[in-house]
């Protein structure tokens, strides 16, 4: 089941793992994240339209949904990636 992510969860690239394969209409994409003060890190994420899915090192998956009209972003999570597709 998809749940709303807490505002204090650390979504930094240093806490992410690569996603290796496409799922449904989401495709693997190389993405760059800035980690202060270390610099940049590249991770493979899933992306489709205005949505991205991140695999976190604590076993959850995070769905980021951006509203392109007003620029707001919402985050959801689940232990099962298919809940987010």
N, C-alpha and C. Protein backbone atom coordinates (compact mmCIF):
# COMPACT_ATOMS: atom_id res chain seq x y z
N UNK A 1 0.83 -1.18 0.00
CA UNK A 1 0.00 0.00 0.00
C UNK A 1 0.88 1.25 0.00
N UNK A 2 0.54 2.20 -0.83
CA UNK A 2 1.26 3.47 -0.96
C UNK A 2 0.88 4.38 0.20
N UNK A 3 1.91 4.98 0.86
CA UNK A 3 1.69 5.89 1.98
C UNK A 3 2.43 7.18 1.74
N UNK A 4 1.94 8.27 2.34
CA UNK A 4 2.61 9.56 2.21
C UNK A 4 3.90 9.55 3.02
N UNK A 5 4.98 10.06 2.43
CA UNK A 5 6.29 10.06 3.06
C UNK A 5 6.41 11.21 4.05
N UNK A 6 7.03 10.94 5.18
CA UNK A 6 7.29 11.96 6.20
C UNK A 6 8.23 13.03 5.66
N UNK A 7 8.01 14.27 6.06
CA UNK A 7 8.86 15.38 5.61
C UNK A 7 10.30 15.27 6.09
N UNK A 8 10.55 14.53 7.16
CA UNK A 8 11.91 14.45 7.70
C UNK A 8 12.70 13.23 7.18
N UNK A 9 12.15 12.48 6.23
CA UNK A 9 12.87 11.35 5.65
C UNK A 9 13.98 11.88 4.74
N UNK A 10 15.17 11.31 4.82
CA UNK A 10 16.32 11.75 4.04
C UNK A 10 16.35 11.05 2.68
N UNK A 11 15.98 11.79 1.63
CA UNK A 11 15.93 11.23 0.27
C UNK A 11 17.23 11.51 -0.48
N UNK A 12 18.31 11.73 0.19
CA UNK A 12 19.55 12.08 -0.50
C UNK A 12 20.09 10.89 -1.31
N UNK A 13 20.87 11.23 -2.33
CA UNK A 13 21.45 10.22 -3.19
C UNK A 13 22.36 9.25 -2.46
N UNK A 14 22.92 9.67 -1.33
CA UNK A 14 23.79 8.77 -0.57
C UNK A 14 23.00 7.64 0.09
N UNK A 15 21.68 7.77 0.18
CA UNK A 15 20.82 6.74 0.76
C UNK A 15 20.12 5.90 -0.30
N UNK A 16 20.47 6.10 -1.57
CA UNK A 16 19.79 5.40 -2.66
C UNK A 16 20.62 4.24 -3.20
N UNK A 17 19.91 3.26 -3.74
CA UNK A 17 20.51 2.16 -4.48
C UNK A 17 20.04 2.26 -5.93
N UNK A 18 20.80 1.68 -6.85
CA UNK A 18 20.40 1.69 -8.25
C UNK A 18 19.23 0.75 -8.51
N UNK A 19 18.36 1.15 -9.42
CA UNK A 19 17.31 0.28 -9.94
C UNK A 19 17.80 -0.19 -11.30
N UNK A 20 17.78 -1.48 -11.52
CA UNK A 20 18.44 -2.06 -12.69
C UNK A 20 17.54 -2.35 -13.89
N UNK A 21 16.21 -2.42 -13.70
CA UNK A 21 15.38 -2.80 -14.85
C UNK A 21 14.09 -1.99 -14.91
N UNK A 22 13.60 -1.83 -16.14
CA UNK A 22 12.34 -1.13 -16.37
C UNK A 22 11.19 -1.91 -15.73
N UNK A 23 10.17 -1.19 -15.31
CA UNK A 23 8.96 -1.81 -14.78
C UNK A 23 7.77 -1.08 -15.37
N UNK A 24 6.96 -1.83 -16.09
CA UNK A 24 5.78 -1.28 -16.74
C UNK A 24 6.22 -0.12 -17.65
N UNK A 25 5.59 1.02 -17.56
CA UNK A 25 5.92 2.17 -18.40
C UNK A 25 7.04 3.02 -17.81
N UNK A 26 7.51 2.71 -16.59
CA UNK A 26 8.66 3.39 -15.99
C UNK A 26 9.94 2.82 -16.59
N UNK A 27 10.85 3.69 -16.99
CA UNK A 27 12.11 3.29 -17.61
C UNK A 27 13.29 3.71 -16.73
N UNK A 28 14.35 2.90 -16.73
CA UNK A 28 15.55 3.22 -15.98
C UNK A 28 16.20 4.46 -16.59
N UNK A 29 16.60 5.36 -15.72
CA UNK A 29 17.21 6.62 -16.16
C UNK A 29 18.38 6.92 -15.22
N UNK A 30 19.50 7.38 -15.79
CA UNK A 30 20.60 7.86 -14.97
C UNK A 30 20.25 9.24 -14.45
N UNK A 31 20.44 9.43 -13.16
CA UNK A 31 20.10 10.71 -12.54
C UNK A 31 21.24 11.14 -11.63
N UNK A 32 21.49 12.42 -11.58
CA UNK A 32 22.59 12.96 -10.80
C UNK A 32 22.02 13.67 -9.56
N UNK A 33 22.62 13.38 -8.41
CA UNK A 33 22.20 14.00 -7.15
C UNK A 33 23.40 14.68 -6.52
N UNK A 34 23.19 15.85 -5.96
CA UNK A 34 24.24 16.57 -5.27
C UNK A 34 24.21 16.20 -3.79
N UNK A 35 25.35 15.79 -3.26
CA UNK A 35 25.45 15.43 -1.85
C UNK A 35 26.44 16.38 -1.20
N UNK A 36 25.95 17.25 -0.35
CA UNK A 36 26.81 18.22 0.31
C UNK A 36 27.55 17.57 1.45
N UNK A 37 28.79 17.74 1.65
CA UNK A 37 29.76 18.51 0.85
C UNK A 37 30.56 17.62 -0.11
N UNK A 38 30.13 16.40 -0.31
CA UNK A 38 30.90 15.42 -1.09
C UNK A 38 30.87 15.66 -2.59
N UNK A 39 29.86 16.30 -3.09
CA UNK A 39 29.75 16.51 -4.53
C UNK A 39 28.58 15.77 -5.12
N UNK A 40 28.77 15.22 -6.31
CA UNK A 40 27.67 14.59 -7.04
C UNK A 40 27.81 13.08 -7.03
N UNK A 41 26.66 12.41 -7.12
CA UNK A 41 26.60 10.96 -7.24
C UNK A 41 25.56 10.62 -8.30
N UNK A 42 25.85 9.62 -9.12
CA UNK A 42 24.90 9.16 -10.14
C UNK A 42 24.18 7.92 -9.64
N UNK A 43 22.88 7.88 -9.81
CA UNK A 43 22.06 6.73 -9.44
C UNK A 43 21.11 6.42 -10.58
N UNK A 44 20.75 5.14 -10.70
CA UNK A 44 19.74 4.72 -11.67
C UNK A 44 18.40 4.69 -10.96
N UNK A 45 17.45 5.44 -11.53
CA UNK A 45 16.11 5.53 -10.97
C UNK A 45 15.12 5.12 -12.05
N UNK A 46 13.84 5.03 -11.70
CA UNK A 46 12.80 4.82 -12.69
C UNK A 46 12.09 6.15 -12.93
N UNK A 47 11.78 6.43 -14.18
CA UNK A 47 11.12 7.69 -14.50
C UNK A 47 10.05 7.47 -15.56
N UNK A 48 8.98 8.23 -15.43
CA UNK A 48 7.91 8.27 -16.42
C UNK A 48 7.15 9.57 -16.24
N UNK A 49 7.06 10.34 -17.31
CA UNK A 49 6.29 11.57 -17.29
C UNK A 49 6.81 12.47 -16.16
N UNK A 50 5.99 12.85 -15.23
CA UNK A 50 6.39 13.74 -14.12
C UNK A 50 6.59 12.95 -12.83
N UNK A 51 6.93 11.67 -12.96
CA UNK A 51 7.08 10.79 -11.80
C UNK A 51 8.45 10.12 -11.82
N UNK A 52 9.01 9.93 -10.62
CA UNK A 52 10.27 9.21 -10.46
C UNK A 52 10.16 8.27 -9.28
N UNK A 53 10.82 7.11 -9.38
CA UNK A 53 10.85 6.16 -8.28
C UNK A 53 12.30 5.93 -7.88
N UNK A 54 12.55 6.04 -6.57
CA UNK A 54 13.88 5.84 -6.01
C UNK A 54 13.87 4.59 -5.14
N UNK A 55 14.94 3.81 -5.20
CA UNK A 55 15.11 2.65 -4.33
C UNK A 55 16.05 3.08 -3.20
N UNK A 56 15.59 2.95 -1.96
CA UNK A 56 16.36 3.41 -0.82
C UNK A 56 17.08 2.25 -0.14
N UNK A 57 18.17 2.54 0.55
CA UNK A 57 18.97 1.48 1.15
C UNK A 57 18.33 0.87 2.40
N UNK A 58 17.21 1.42 2.87
CA UNK A 58 16.51 0.81 4.01
C UNK A 58 15.37 -0.11 3.56
N UNK A 59 15.27 -0.35 2.23
CA UNK A 59 14.31 -1.31 1.72
C UNK A 59 13.01 -0.74 1.21
N UNK A 60 12.83 0.57 1.27
CA UNK A 60 11.59 1.14 0.74
C UNK A 60 11.84 1.76 -0.64
N UNK A 61 10.75 1.98 -1.34
CA UNK A 61 10.77 2.68 -2.62
C UNK A 61 10.00 3.97 -2.44
N UNK A 62 10.49 5.04 -3.06
CA UNK A 62 9.84 6.35 -2.94
C UNK A 62 9.39 6.80 -4.32
N UNK A 63 8.14 7.23 -4.40
CA UNK A 63 7.57 7.81 -5.62
C UNK A 63 7.53 9.32 -5.45
N UNK A 64 8.16 10.03 -6.38
CA UNK A 64 8.11 11.50 -6.41
C UNK A 64 7.19 11.90 -7.55
N UNK A 65 6.18 12.71 -7.24
CA UNK A 65 5.23 13.18 -8.25
C UNK A 65 5.27 14.70 -8.27
N UNK A 66 5.64 15.26 -9.42
CA UNK A 66 5.70 16.71 -9.55
C UNK A 66 4.48 17.22 -10.31
N UNK A 67 3.85 18.24 -9.76
CA UNK A 67 2.76 18.93 -10.46
C UNK A 67 3.42 19.99 -11.33
N UNK A 68 3.43 19.77 -12.64
CA UNK A 68 4.13 20.68 -13.54
C UNK A 68 3.46 22.05 -13.64
N UNK A 69 2.21 22.14 -13.27
CA UNK A 69 1.50 23.42 -13.32
C UNK A 69 2.01 24.39 -12.25
N UNK A 70 2.14 23.89 -11.02
CA UNK A 70 2.54 24.81 -9.94
C UNK A 70 3.90 24.48 -9.33
N UNK A 71 4.57 23.42 -9.81
CA UNK A 71 5.90 23.08 -9.34
C UNK A 71 5.98 22.37 -8.00
N UNK A 72 4.83 22.03 -7.41
CA UNK A 72 4.85 21.33 -6.13
C UNK A 72 5.21 19.86 -6.35
N UNK A 73 5.76 19.25 -5.30
CA UNK A 73 6.18 17.87 -5.36
C UNK A 73 5.59 17.12 -4.17
N UNK A 74 5.08 15.91 -4.44
CA UNK A 74 4.58 15.04 -3.38
C UNK A 74 5.40 13.77 -3.39
N UNK A 75 5.56 13.18 -2.19
CA UNK A 75 6.33 11.95 -2.04
C UNK A 75 5.49 10.89 -1.36
N UNK A 76 5.57 9.68 -1.90
CA UNK A 76 4.88 8.52 -1.34
C UNK A 76 5.90 7.39 -1.24
N UNK A 77 5.61 6.40 -0.39
CA UNK A 77 6.53 5.28 -0.27
C UNK A 77 5.78 3.97 -0.07
N UNK A 78 6.51 2.89 -0.33
CA UNK A 78 6.00 1.55 -0.09
C UNK A 78 7.19 0.59 -0.05
N UNK A 79 7.01 -0.52 0.63
CA UNK A 79 8.02 -1.56 0.62
C UNK A 79 7.93 -2.38 -0.68
N UNK A 80 6.82 -2.28 -1.39
CA UNK A 80 6.61 -3.00 -2.65
C UNK A 80 6.54 -1.99 -3.79
N UNK A 81 7.51 -2.06 -4.69
CA UNK A 81 7.58 -1.09 -5.79
C UNK A 81 6.30 -1.08 -6.64
N UNK A 82 5.62 -2.22 -6.74
CA UNK A 82 4.43 -2.30 -7.57
C UNK A 82 3.25 -1.51 -7.00
N UNK A 83 3.29 -1.18 -5.72
CA UNK A 83 2.28 -0.29 -5.14
C UNK A 83 2.38 1.13 -5.70
N UNK A 84 3.55 1.48 -6.22
CA UNK A 84 3.81 2.84 -6.69
C UNK A 84 3.64 3.00 -8.19
N UNK A 85 3.50 1.90 -8.90
CA UNK A 85 3.39 1.94 -10.36
C UNK A 85 1.96 2.29 -10.77
